[in-house]
Amino acid sequence: MELFPPLPYAEWRATKETLHRFAQVVGKVRLAASPRRNHWWNVPYHLTGRGITTRPMGLDDQGRFFCIDFDFVDHRLLVTTGSGREVSFPLPGLSVADFYRRLQSALTELDVSVRIGLPHPFDLPDSDRPFDEDTEHRAYDQESVNRYWVILSQVNLVLEEYAAEWCGKTSPVHHFWHTFDIAVTRFSDTVVPHSESVDPVTREAYSREVISAGFWFGDPAFPRAAFYSYTAPEPTGLARHPLQPAAASWVERGTGSRLAVLEYEKARTASSPRADVLAFLRSAYRAGAETAGWDIERNACPGGVTDPVAAQRA
């Protein structure tokens, strides 16, 4: 094993675009079959020892529920129910249309009734094309997909370490099928008003002041994997704060705001990759928290401990 193995965007772009749409298909099942949580926390994936999972969902009054897991070791999709029934199928070779129909068939076979609202991609270039008509996206390189999961798992654990240092309101570390990133978000109590023109996804995600940190695998607009952090709404003077390590920088976003970025290739080839990533996350948080006027000391949680007696004994 290697901490942060290489995965150049250009080398797996076609596979990533297929996998992203697979994840959106299942993600929309999760959206339809789970109770809504604040800031859409019910929707993202969580990591498992072999891939990613929706977690159990769809509980009815008879006690029935189901779960969908991507297995990126054996490269299969597994649909299971609380009664122990299961249906699985291989992922390589499927187009998005094939995948969509195979999943619908698996749910029917297991007597799972769930209706996907808007069964087409969300915020992707082909968002007007229904999933069951997408025969274009079908690339699936097994080595790249497995490496994506390994990197996702490693980043997940580093983000968990970072998350443990703060005891205010915080999201889980979770993998979003919308933007195909993994993130953890810290919240203040400050309510953020939005105009009525703002879409409902954004309104709920950013209904409070946040400092978010995470990792994404690149896209056509930024074709490099990177660790990132942003503060929203962005306070005046944010980018004047220094970032660590020296390889990190503030990057202008199309919206006129700034994003703290540490490119994955620079992080993974550093002498101390894990330490550099944690230094980056901490410095970006401090930049946002100090500029926005958060009480940094009040929510500090060294070593993941909040009890003062336990902290003194540690």
C-alpha atoms as a PDB file:
ATOM      1  CA  MET A   1       0.000   0.000   0.000  1.00  0.00           C
ATOM      2  CA  GLU A   2       1.027   3.572  -0.686  1.00  0.00           C
ATOM      3  CA  LEU A   3      -0.321   6.655   1.064  1.00  0.00           C
ATOM      4  CA  PHE A   4      -2.024   8.749  -1.641  1.00  0.00           C
ATOM      5  CA  PRO A   5      -1.185   6.704  -4.770  1.00  0.00           C
ATOM      6  CA  PRO A   6      -1.170   8.475  -8.155  1.00  0.00           C
ATOM      7  CA  LEU A   7      -4.368   8.847 -10.178  1.00  0.00           C
ATOM      8  CA  PRO A   8      -3.889  11.453 -12.948  1.00  0.00           C
ATOM      9  CA  TYR A   9      -7.208  12.899 -14.052  1.00  0.00           C
ATOM     10  CA  ALA A  10      -6.549  12.496 -17.787  1.00  0.00           C
ATOM     11  CA  GLU A  11      -5.788   8.775 -17.403  1.00  0.00           C
ATOM     12  CA  TRP A  12      -9.137   7.865 -15.862  1.00  0.00           C
ATOM     13  CA  ARG A  13     -11.401  10.681 -17.029  1.00  0.00           C
ATOM     14  CA  ALA A  14     -13.657   8.422 -19.124  1.00  0.00           C
ATOM     15  CA  THR A  15     -14.002   5.915 -16.282  1.00  0.00           C
ATOM     16  CA  LYS A  16     -14.651   8.692 -13.773  1.00  0.00           C
ATOM     17  CA  GLU A  17     -17.417  10.130 -15.933  1.00  0.00           C
ATOM     18  CA  THR A  18     -19.128   6.730 -16.095  1.00  0.00           C
ATOM     19  CA  LEU A  19     -18.672   6.032 -12.390  1.00  0.00           C
ATOM     20  CA  HIS A  20     -19.935   9.492 -11.476  1.00  0.00           C
ATOM     21  CA  ARG A  21     -23.201   8.778 -13.279  1.00  0.00           C
ATOM     22  CA  PHE A  22     -23.497   5.322 -11.706  1.00  0.00           C
ATOM     23  CA  ALA A  23     -23.140   7.042  -8.341  1.00  0.00           C
ATOM     24  CA  GLN A  24     -25.806   9.589  -9.252  1.00  0.00           C
ATOM     25  CA  VAL A  25     -28.285   6.860 -10.214  1.00  0.00           C
ATOM     26  CA  VAL A  26     -27.921   5.157  -6.837  1.00  0.00           C
ATOM     27  CA  GLY A  27     -27.688   8.503  -5.076  1.00  0.00           C
ATOM     28  CA  LYS A  28     -31.103   9.453  -6.395  1.00  0.00           C
ATOM     29  CA  VAL A  29     -32.497   6.217  -4.952  1.00  0.00           C
ATOM     30  CA  ARG A  30     -30.997   7.228  -1.612  1.00  0.00           C
ATOM     31  CA  LEU A  31     -32.520  10.689  -1.934  1.00  0.00           C
ATOM     32  CA  ALA A  32     -35.973   9.204  -2.568  1.00  0.00           C
ATOM     33  CA  ALA A  33     -35.805   6.523   0.134  1.00  0.00           C
ATOM     34  CA  SER A  34     -34.280   8.321   3.129  1.00  0.00           C
ATOM     35  CA  PRO A  35     -35.720  10.853   5.586  1.00  0.00           C
ATOM     36  CA  ARG A  36     -34.414  14.331   4.882  1.00  0.00           C
ATOM     37  CA  ARG A  37     -31.657  15.647   7.149  1.00  0.00           C
ATOM     38  CA  ASN A  38     -30.379  19.180   7.621  1.00  0.00           C
ATOM     39  CA  HIS A  39     -28.006  20.356   4.876  1.00  0.00           C
ATOM     40  CA  TRP A  40     -28.777  17.171   2.859  1.00  0.00           C
ATOM     41  CA  TRP A  41     -26.750  14.981   5.228  1.00  0.00           C
ATOM     42  CA  ASN A  42     -29.029  12.042   4.425  1.00  0.00           C
ATOM     43  CA  VAL A  43     -27.952  11.936   0.774  1.00  0.00           C
ATOM     44  CA  PRO A  44     -24.160  11.310   0.477  1.00  0.00           C
ATOM     45  CA  TYR A  45     -22.300   8.004   0.508  1.00  0.00           C
ATOM     46  CA  HIS A  46     -20.173   6.660   3.326  1.00  0.00           C
ATOM     47  CA  LEU A  47     -17.063   4.493   3.005  1.00  0.00           C
ATOM     48  CA  THR A  48     -16.941   0.751   3.609  1.00  0.00           C
ATOM     49  CA  GLY A  49     -14.128  -1.785   3.679  1.00  0.00           C
ATOM     50  CA  ARG A  50     -14.794  -2.597   0.015  1.00  0.00           C
ATOM     51  CA  GLY A  51     -16.353   0.518  -1.498  1.00  0.00           C
ATOM     52  CA  ILE A  52     -19.153   2.952  -0.695  1.00  0.00           C
ATOM     53  CA  THR A  53     -22.634   2.510   0.734  1.00  0.00           C
ATOM     54  CA  THR A  54     -25.989   4.248   0.809  1.00  0.00           C
ATOM     55  CA  ARG A  55     -26.513   2.862   4.332  1.00  0.00           C
ATOM     56  CA  PRO A  56     -29.847   1.165   5.156  1.00  0.00           C
ATOM     57  CA  MET A  57     -32.908   3.081   3.926  1.00  0.00           C
ATOM     58  CA  GLY A  58     -36.551   2.745   2.926  1.00  0.00           C
ATOM     59  CA  LEU A  59     -37.940   1.646   6.298  1.00  0.00           C
ATOM     60  CA  ASP A  60     -41.679   0.888   6.130  1.00  0.00           C
ATOM     61  CA  ASP A  61     -44.285   0.049   8.770  1.00  0.00           C
ATOM     62  CA  GLN A  62     -43.619  -3.668   8.290  1.00  0.00           C
ATOM     63  CA  GLY A  63     -39.990  -3.166   9.299  1.00  0.00           C
ATOM     64  CA  ARG A  64     -38.561  -3.722   5.802  1.00  0.00           C
ATOM     65  CA  PHE A  65     -35.516  -1.812   4.587  1.00  0.00           C
ATOM     66  CA  PHE A  66     -32.797  -2.131   1.948  1.00  0.00           C
ATOM     67  CA  CYS A  67     -29.261  -1.008   1.210  1.00  0.00           C
ATOM     68  CA  ILE A  68     -27.115  -0.519  -1.901  1.00  0.00           C
ATOM     69  CA  ASP A  69     -23.344  -1.007  -1.889  1.00  0.00           C
ATOM     70  CA  PHE A  70     -20.687  -0.481  -4.514  1.00  0.00           C
ATOM     71  CA  ASP A  71     -17.964  -3.126  -4.167  1.00  0.00           C
ATOM     72  CA  PHE A  72     -14.808  -1.715  -5.766  1.00  0.00           C
ATOM     73  CA  VAL A  73     -12.721  -4.787  -4.948  1.00  0.00           C
ATOM     74  CA  ASP A  74     -14.832  -7.288  -6.897  1.00  0.00           C
ATOM     75  CA  HIS A  75     -16.456  -4.509  -8.970  1.00  0.00           C
ATOM     76  CA  ARG A  76     -20.078  -5.315  -8.340  1.00  0.00           C
ATOM     77  CA  LEU A  77     -23.204  -3.519  -7.195  1.00  0.00           C
ATOM     78  CA  LEU A  78     -24.970  -5.259  -4.314  1.00  0.00           C
ATOM     79  CA  VAL A  79     -28.579  -4.600  -3.307  1.00  0.00           C
ATOM     80  CA  THR A  80     -29.602  -6.198  -0.007  1.00  0.00           C
ATOM     81  CA  THR A  81     -32.702  -6.231   2.184  1.00  0.00           C
ATOM     82  CA  GLY A  82     -33.217  -6.549   5.921  1.00  0.00           C
ATOM     83  CA  SER A  83     -34.591 -10.045   5.423  1.00  0.00           C
ATOM     84  CA  GLY A  84     -31.280 -11.233   3.986  1.00  0.00           C
ATOM     85  CA  ARG A  85     -32.227 -11.289   0.305  1.00  0.00           C
ATOM     86  CA  GLU A  86     -29.755  -9.874  -2.156  1.00  0.00           C
ATOM     87  CA  VAL A  87     -29.158  -9.240  -5.836  1.00  0.00           C
ATOM     88  CA  SER A  88     -25.833  -8.215  -7.337  1.00  0.00           C
ATOM     89  CA  PHE A  89     -24.385  -7.597 -10.776  1.00  0.00           C
ATOM     90  CA  PRO A  90     -20.955  -6.752 -12.226  1.00  0.00           C
ATOM     91  CA  LEU A  91     -20.068  -3.154 -13.058  1.00  0.00           C
ATOM     92  CA  PRO A  92     -17.490  -3.470 -15.884  1.00  0.00           C
ATOM     93  CA  GLY A  93     -18.895  -3.233 -19.395  1.00  0.00           C
ATOM     94  CA  LEU A  94     -22.156  -1.518 -18.480  1.00  0.00           C
ATOM     95  CA  SER A  95     -23.315   1.735 -19.993  1.00  0.00           C
ATOM     96  CA  VAL A  96     -25.223   4.128 -17.755  1.00  0.00           C
ATOM     97  CA  ALA A  97     -28.428   2.953 -19.435  1.00  0.00           C
ATOM     98  CA  ASP A  98     -27.515  -0.697 -18.734  1.00  0.00           C
ATOM     99  CA  PHE A  99     -26.672   0.132 -15.131  1.00  0.00           C
ATOM    100  CA  TYR A 100     -29.932   1.997 -14.607  1.00  0.00           C
ATOM    101  CA  ARG A 101     -32.013  -0.869 -15.978  1.00  0.00           C
ATOM    102  CA  ARG A 102     -30.083  -3.509 -14.025  1.00  0.00           C
ATOM    103  CA  LEU A 103     -30.623  -1.579 -10.811  1.00  0.00           C
ATOM    104  CA  GLN A 104     -34.336  -1.153 -11.486  1.00  0.00           C
ATOM    105  CA  SER A 105     -34.586  -4.886 -12.176  1.00  0.00           C
ATOM    106  CA  ALA A 106     -32.752  -5.716  -8.935  1.00  0.00           C
ATOM    107  CA  LEU A 107     -35.072  -3.511  -6.886  1.00  0.00           C
ATOM    108  CA  THR A 108     -38.123  -5.096  -8.506  1.00  0.00           C
ATOM    109  CA  GLU A 109     -36.793  -8.596  -7.845  1.00  0.00           C
ATOM    110  CA  LEU A 110     -36.365  -7.708  -4.167  1.00  0.00           C
ATOM    111  CA  ASP A 111     -39.861  -6.185  -3.958  1.00  0.00           C
ATOM    112  CA  VAL A 112     -38.424  -2.755  -3.244  1.00  0.00           C
ATOM    113  CA  SER A 113     -40.643   0.072  -4.414  1.00  0.00           C
ATOM    114  CA  VAL A 114     -38.908   3.414  -4.833  1.00  0.00           C
ATOM    115  CA  ARG A 115     -39.540   6.160  -7.358  1.00  0.00           C
ATOM    116  CA  ILE A 116     -36.555   8.184  -8.551  1.00  0.00           C
ATOM    117  CA  GLY A 117     -37.459  11.801  -9.058  1.00  0.00           C
ATOM    118  CA  LEU A 118     -35.867  13.323 -12.167  1.00  0.00           C
ATOM    119  CA  PRO A 119     -34.010  10.200 -13.422  1.00  0.00           C
ATOM    120  CA  HIS A 120     -31.235  12.040 -15.241  1.00  0.00           C
ATOM    121  CA  PRO A 121     -27.855  13.501 -14.193  1.00  0.00           C
ATOM    122  CA  PHE A 122     -27.708  16.425 -11.801  1.00  0.00           C
ATOM    123  CA  ASP A 123     -25.518  19.401 -12.739  1.00  0.00           C
ATOM    124  CA  LEU A 124     -23.560  17.509 -15.408  1.00  0.00           C
ATOM    125  CA  PRO A 125     -23.187  18.442 -19.103  1.00  0.00           C
ATOM    126  CA  ASP A 126     -25.796  15.854 -20.148  1.00  0.00           C
ATOM    127  CA  SER A 127     -28.313  16.723 -17.446  1.00  0.00           C
ATOM    128  CA  ASP A 128     -31.158  16.720 -19.980  1.00  0.00           C
ATOM    129  CA  ARG A 129     -30.540  13.093 -21.007  1.00  0.00           C
ATOM    130  CA  PRO A 130     -32.401  10.399 -19.032  1.00  0.00           C
ATOM    131  CA  PHE A 131     -30.210   7.736 -17.455  1.00  0.00           C
ATOM    132  CA  ASP A 132     -31.893   4.990 -19.474  1.00  0.00           C
ATOM    133  CA  GLU A 133     -30.861   6.691 -22.729  1.00  0.00           C
ATOM    134  CA  ASP A 134     -27.170   7.139 -21.904  1.00  0.00           C
ATOM    135  CA  THR A 135     -25.278   4.516 -23.912  1.00  0.00           C
ATOM    136  CA  GLU A 136     -22.283   6.849 -24.316  1.00  0.00           C
ATOM    137  CA  HIS A 137     -20.728   6.505 -20.879  1.00  0.00           C
ATOM    138  CA  ARG A 138     -19.529   2.913 -20.430  1.00  0.00           C
ATOM    139  CA  ALA A 139     -15.770   3.104 -19.703  1.00  0.00           C
ATOM    140  CA  TYR A 140     -14.763   1.173 -16.594  1.00  0.00           C
ATOM    141  CA  ASP A 141     -11.087   0.577 -15.853  1.00  0.00           C
ATOM    142  CA  GLN A 142     -11.028  -1.676 -12.804  1.00  0.00           C
ATOM    143  CA  GLU A 143      -7.566  -0.644 -11.606  1.00  0.00           C
ATOM    144  CA  SER A 144      -8.512   3.056 -11.700  1.00  0.00           C
ATOM    145  CA  VAL A 145     -11.801   2.461  -9.892  1.00  0.00           C
ATOM    146  CA  ASN A 146     -10.089   0.467  -7.147  1.00  0.00           C
ATOM    147  CA  ARG A 147      -7.466   3.208  -6.782  1.00  0.00           C
ATOM    148  CA  TYR A 148     -10.200   5.838  -6.558  1.00  0.00           C
ATOM    149  CA  TRP A 149     -11.687   3.895  -3.638  1.00  0.00           C
ATOM    150  CA  VAL A 150      -8.282   3.486  -1.941  1.00  0.00           C
ATOM    151  CA  ILE A 151      -7.599   7.221  -2.209  1.00  0.00           C
ATOM    152  CA  LEU A 152     -11.129   8.013  -1.048  1.00  0.00           C
ATOM    153  CA  SER A 153     -10.632   5.762   1.991  1.00  0.00           C
ATOM    154  CA  GLN A 154      -7.279   7.290   2.895  1.00  0.00           C
ATOM    155  CA  VAL A 155      -8.579  10.837   2.514  1.00  0.00           C
ATOM    156  CA  ASN A 156     -11.647   9.902   4.548  1.00  0.00           C
ATOM    157  CA  LEU A 157      -9.442   8.919   7.475  1.00  0.00           C
ATOM    158  CA  VAL A 158      -7.355  12.094   7.282  1.00  0.00           C
ATOM    159  CA  LEU A 159     -10.544  14.167   7.209  1.00  0.00           C
ATOM    160  CA  GLU A 160     -11.822  12.216  10.228  1.00  0.00           C
ATOM    161  CA  GLU A 161      -8.620  13.157  12.065  1.00  0.00           C
ATOM    162  CA  TYR A 162      -9.144  16.816  11.147  1.00  0.00           C
ATOM    163  CA  ALA A 163     -12.834  16.661  12.087  1.00  0.00           C
ATOM    164  CA  ALA A 164     -12.000  15.326  15.555  1.00  0.00           C
ATOM    165  CA  GLU A 165     -10.217  18.581  16.452  1.00  0.00           C
ATOM    166  CA  TRP A 166     -13.468  20.609  16.555  1.00  0.00           C
ATOM    167  CA  CYS A 167     -16.590  20.023  18.654  1.00  0.00           C
ATOM    168  CA  GLY A 168     -19.077  22.498  17.178  1.00  0.00           C
ATOM    169  CA  LYS A 169     -21.785  21.549  14.723  1.00  0.00           C
ATOM    170  CA  THR A 170     -20.126  19.510  11.992  1.00  0.00           C
ATOM    171  CA  SER A 171     -21.230  17.223   9.196  1.00  0.00           C
ATOM    172  CA  PRO A 172     -20.115  13.632   8.874  1.00  0.00           C
ATOM    173  CA  VAL A 173     -17.216  12.979   6.522  1.00  0.00           C
ATOM    174  CA  HIS A 174     -19.190  11.951   3.440  1.00  0.00           C
ATOM    175  CA  HIS A 175     -18.872  11.431  -0.308  1.00  0.00           C
ATOM    176  CA  PHE A 176     -21.193  13.555  -2.449  1.00  0.00           C
ATOM    177  CA  TRP A 177     -22.527  12.078  -5.683  1.00  0.00           C
ATOM    178  CA  HIS A 178     -23.428  15.590  -6.866  1.00  0.00           C
ATOM    179  CA  THR A 179     -19.844  16.872  -7.257  1.00  0.00           C
ATOM    180  CA  PHE A 180     -18.053  13.554  -6.685  1.00  0.00           C
ATOM    181  CA  ASP A 181     -16.005  14.927  -3.798  1.00  0.00           C
ATOM    182  CA  ILE A 182     -15.546  13.934  -0.170  1.00  0.00           C
ATOM    183  CA  ALA A 183     -15.964  16.624   2.447  1.00  0.00           C
ATOM    184  CA  VAL A 184     -16.522  17.599   6.057  1.00  0.00           C
ATOM    185  CA  THR A 185     -18.163  20.913   6.962  1.00  0.00           C
ATOM    186  CA  ARG A 186     -18.083  23.015  10.121  1.00  0.00           C
ATOM    187  CA  PHE A 187     -21.051  25.290  10.879  1.00  0.00           C
ATOM    188  CA  SER A 188     -21.548  28.421  12.914  1.00  0.00           C
ATOM    189  CA  ASP A 189     -24.899  29.504  14.351  1.00  0.00           C
ATOM    190  CA  THR A 190     -25.135  32.405  11.914  1.00  0.00           C
ATOM    191  CA  VAL A 191     -28.173  32.117   9.641  1.00  0.00           C
ATOM    192  CA  VAL A 192     -27.452  33.042   6.017  1.00  0.00           C
ATOM    193  CA  PRO A 193     -30.361  34.650   4.143  1.00  0.00           C
ATOM    194  CA  HIS A 194     -30.681  33.795   0.451  1.00  0.00           C
ATOM    195  CA  SER A 195     -32.724  35.439  -2.251  1.00  0.00           C
ATOM    196  CA  GLU A 196     -35.666  33.488  -3.649  1.00  0.00           C
ATOM    197  CA  SER A 197     -33.751  32.998  -6.901  1.00  0.00           C
ATOM    198  CA  VAL A 198     -31.211  30.696  -5.207  1.00  0.00           C
ATOM    199  CA  ASP A 199     -31.867  27.017  -5.977  1.00  0.00           C
ATOM    200  CA  PRO A 200     -33.187  24.782  -3.167  1.00  0.00           C
ATOM    201  CA  VAL A 201     -30.081  22.577  -3.066  1.00  0.00           C
ATOM    202  CA  THR A 202     -27.809  25.560  -2.411  1.00  0.00           C
ATOM    203  CA  ARG A 203     -30.259  27.207  -0.008  1.00  0.00           C
ATOM    204  CA  GLU A 204     -30.310  24.188   2.312  1.00  0.00           C
ATOM    205  CA  ALA A 205     -26.592  23.389   1.988  1.00  0.00           C
ATOM    206  CA  TYR A 206     -25.626  26.934   2.939  1.00  0.00           C
ATOM    207  CA  SER A 207     -28.422  28.000   5.264  1.00  0.00           C
ATOM    208  CA  ARG A 208     -25.749  28.603   7.930  1.00  0.00           C
ATOM    209  CA  GLU A 209     -22.259  30.057   7.769  1.00  0.00           C
ATOM    210  CA  VAL A 210     -19.795  27.260   6.944  1.00  0.00           C
ATOM    211  CA  ILE A 211     -16.163  26.355   6.554  1.00  0.00           C
ATOM    212  CA  SER A 212     -15.915  23.266   4.402  1.00  0.00           C
ATOM    213  CA  ALA A 213     -12.891  21.111   3.621  1.00  0.00           C
ATOM    214  CA  GLY A 214     -12.477  18.154   1.329  1.00  0.00           C
ATOM    215  CA  PHE A 215     -10.994  16.524  -1.718  1.00  0.00           C
ATOM    216  CA  TRP A 216     -12.131  16.114  -5.313  1.00  0.00           C
ATOM    217  CA  PHE A 217     -10.777  14.131  -8.241  1.00  0.00           C
ATOM    218  CA  GLY A 218     -10.768  16.899 -10.859  1.00  0.00           C
ATOM    219  CA  ASP A 219     -13.095  17.910 -13.671  1.00  0.00           C
ATOM    220  CA  PRO A 220     -12.747  19.577 -17.091  1.00  0.00           C
ATOM    221  CA  ALA A 221     -12.626  23.034 -15.494  1.00  0.00           C
ATOM    222  CA  PHE A 222      -9.869  22.012 -13.038  1.00  0.00           C
ATOM    223  CA  PRO A 223      -8.327  18.790 -14.398  1.00  0.00           C
ATOM    224  CA  ARG A 224      -6.281  17.943 -11.322  1.00  0.00           C
ATOM    225  CA  ALA A 225      -7.163  16.202  -8.084  1.00  0.00           C
ATOM    226  CA  ALA A 226      -6.854  18.487  -5.072  1.00  0.00           C
ATOM    227  CA  PHE A 227      -7.579  19.078  -1.423  1.00  0.00           C
ATOM    228  CA  TYR A 228      -9.664  22.214  -0.901  1.00  0.00           C
ATOM    229  CA  SER A 229     -11.322  24.469   1.637  1.00  0.00           C
ATOM    230  CA  TYR A 230     -13.705  27.400   1.406  1.00  0.00           C
ATOM    231  CA  THR A 231     -15.655  29.681   3.723  1.00  0.00           C
ATOM    232  CA  ALA A 232     -19.216  30.614   2.784  1.00  0.00           C
ATOM    233  CA  PRO A 233     -20.289  33.323   2.749  1.00  0.00           C
ATOM    234  CA  GLU A 234     -16.739  34.431   2.086  1.00  0.00           C
ATOM    235  CA  PRO A 235     -15.589  37.103   4.557  1.00  0.00           C
ATOM    236  CA  THR A 236     -13.659  40.111   3.332  1.00  0.00           C
ATOM    237  CA  GLY A 237      -9.900  39.569   3.468  1.00  0.00           C
ATOM    238  CA  LEU A 238      -9.970  35.766   3.553  1.00  0.00           C
ATOM    239  CA  ALA A 239      -7.229  35.314   0.950  1.00  0.00           C
ATOM    240  CA  ARG A 240      -4.844  37.580   2.841  1.00  0.00           C
ATOM    241  CA  HIS A 241      -4.324  34.814   5.373  1.00  0.00           C
ATOM    242  CA  PRO A 242      -1.345  32.515   4.690  1.00  0.00           C
ATOM    243  CA  LEU A 243      -1.815  28.832   3.973  1.00  0.00           C
ATOM    244  CA  GLN A 244       0.373  25.888   4.855  1.00  0.00           C
ATOM    245  CA  PRO A 245       2.335  24.175   3.396  1.00  0.00           C
ATOM    246  CA  ALA A 246       4.058  26.484   0.910  1.00  0.00           C
ATOM    247  CA  ALA A 247       2.625  24.436  -1.995  1.00  0.00           C
ATOM    248  CA  ALA A 248      -0.940  25.516  -1.074  1.00  0.00           C
ATOM    249  CA  SER A 249      -2.519  28.611  -2.594  1.00  0.00           C
ATOM    250  CA  TRP A 250      -5.702  30.648  -2.923  1.00  0.00           C
ATOM    251  CA  VAL A 251      -7.434  30.114  -6.262  1.00  0.00           C
ATOM    252  CA  GLU A 252     -10.052  32.401  -7.778  1.00  0.00           C
ATOM    253  CA  ARG A 253     -13.393  30.702  -8.415  1.00  0.00           C
ATOM    254  CA  GLY A 254     -15.748  31.632 -11.211  1.00  0.00           C
ATOM    255  CA  THR A 255     -18.100  33.188  -8.661  1.00  0.00           C
ATOM    256  CA  GLY A 256     -15.497  35.764  -7.606  1.00  0.00           C
ATOM    257  CA  SER A 257     -14.724  33.949  -4.346  1.00  0.00           C
ATOM    258  CA  ARG A 258     -11.531  32.191  -3.280  1.00  0.00           C
ATOM    259  CA  LEU A 259     -10.779  28.521  -2.768  1.00  0.00           C
ATOM    260  CA  ALA A 260      -7.845  27.262  -0.716  1.00  0.00           C
ATOM    261  CA  VAL A 261      -6.193  24.532  -2.783  1.00  0.00           C
ATOM    262  CA  LEU A 262      -3.446  21.985  -2.217  1.00  0.00           C
ATOM    263  CA  GLU A 263      -3.019  19.945  -5.372  1.00  0.00           C
ATOM    264  CA  TYR A 264      -2.999  16.203  -4.766  1.00  0.00           C
ATOM    265  CA  GLU A 265       0.167  15.566  -6.739  1.00  0.00           C
ATOM    266  CA  LYS A 266       2.069  18.125  -4.653  1.00  0.00           C
ATOM    267  CA  ALA A 267       0.721  16.685  -1.423  1.00  0.00           C
ATOM    268  CA  ARG A 268       1.311  13.024  -2.209  1.00  0.00           C
ATOM    269  CA  THR A 269       4.921  13.569  -3.354  1.00  0.00           C
ATOM    270  CA  ALA A 270       5.860  15.663  -0.311  1.00  0.00           C
ATOM    271  CA  SER A 271       8.185  14.250   2.331  1.00  0.00           C
ATOM    272  CA  SER A 272       5.313  14.132   4.859  1.00  0.00           C
ATOM    273  CA  PRO A 273       2.043  13.911   2.877  1.00  0.00           C
ATOM    274  CA  ARG A 274      -0.288  13.325   5.806  1.00  0.00           C
ATOM    275  CA  ALA A 275       1.240  16.107   7.910  1.00  0.00           C
ATOM    276  CA  ASP A 276       1.093  18.497   4.957  1.00  0.00           C
ATOM    277  CA  VAL A 277      -2.586  17.779   4.312  1.00  0.00           C
ATOM    278  CA  LEU A 278      -3.490  18.286   7.975  1.00  0.00           C
ATOM    279  CA  ALA A 279      -1.471  21.508   8.056  1.00  0.00           C
ATOM    280  CA  PHE A 280      -3.357  22.692   4.999  1.00  0.00           C
ATOM    281  CA  LEU A 281      -6.777  21.883   6.429  1.00  0.00           C
ATOM    282  CA  ARG A 282      -5.964  23.567   9.737  1.00  0.00           C
ATOM    283  CA  SER A 283      -4.541  26.705   8.146  1.00  0.00           C
ATOM    284  CA  ALA A 284      -7.506  27.081   5.792  1.00  0.00           C
ATOM    285  CA  TYR A 285      -9.926  26.653   8.690  1.00  0.00           C
ATOM    286  CA  ARG A 286      -8.097  29.233  10.794  1.00  0.00           C
ATOM    287  CA  ALA A 287      -8.113  31.668   7.878  1.00  0.00           C
ATOM    288  CA  GLY A 288     -11.875  31.358   7.536  1.00  0.00           C
ATOM    289  CA  ALA A 289     -12.629  31.274  11.256  1.00  0.00           C
ATOM    290  CA  GLU A 290     -10.477  34.272  12.132  1.00  0.00           C
ATOM    291  CA  THR A 291     -11.762  36.359   9.231  1.00  0.00           C
ATOM    292  CA  ALA A 292     -15.403  35.487   9.912  1.00  0.00           C
ATOM    293  CA  GLY A 293     -15.043  36.037  13.652  1.00  0.00           C
ATOM    294  CA  TRP A 294     -15.663  32.514  14.910  1.00  0.00           C
ATOM    295  CA  ASP A 295     -14.790  31.627  18.517  1.00  0.00           C
ATOM    296  CA  ILE A 296     -11.920  29.290  17.700  1.00  0.00           C
ATOM    297  CA  GLU A 297     -10.985  28.381  21.254  1.00  0.00           C
ATOM    298  CA  ARG A 298     -14.545  27.619  22.360  1.00  0.00           C
ATOM    299  CA  ASN A 299     -14.911  24.825  19.810  1.00  0.00           C
ATOM    300  CA  ALA A 300     -11.361  23.494  19.892  1.00  0.00           C
ATOM    301  CA  CYS A 301     -11.282  19.787  20.676  1.00  0.00           C
ATOM    302  CA  PRO A 302      -7.642  18.620  20.971  1.00  0.00           C
ATOM    303  CA  GLY A 303      -7.354  14.878  20.557  1.00  0.00           C
ATOM    304  CA  GLY A 304     -11.100  14.572  20.073  1.00  0.00           C
ATOM    305  CA  VAL A 305     -11.759  15.116  23.805  1.00  0.00           C
ATOM    306  CA  THR A 306     -14.293  17.611  25.210  1.00  0.00           C
ATOM    307  CA  ASP A 307     -14.442  16.450  28.839  1.00  0.00           C
ATOM    308  CA  PRO A 308     -11.986  18.638  30.832  1.00  0.00           C
ATOM    309  CA  VAL A 309     -11.129  15.864  33.314  1.00  0.00           C
ATOM    310  CA  ALA A 310     -10.356  13.388  30.552  1.00  0.00           C
ATOM    311  CA  ALA A 311      -8.330  16.073  28.749  1.00  0.00           C
ATOM    312  CA  GLN A 312      -6.151  16.627  31.827  1.00  0.00           C
ATOM    313  CA  ARG A 313      -5.535  12.896  32.171  1.00  0.00           C
ATOM    314  CA  ALA A 314      -4.663  12.411  28.502  1.00  0.00           C
END
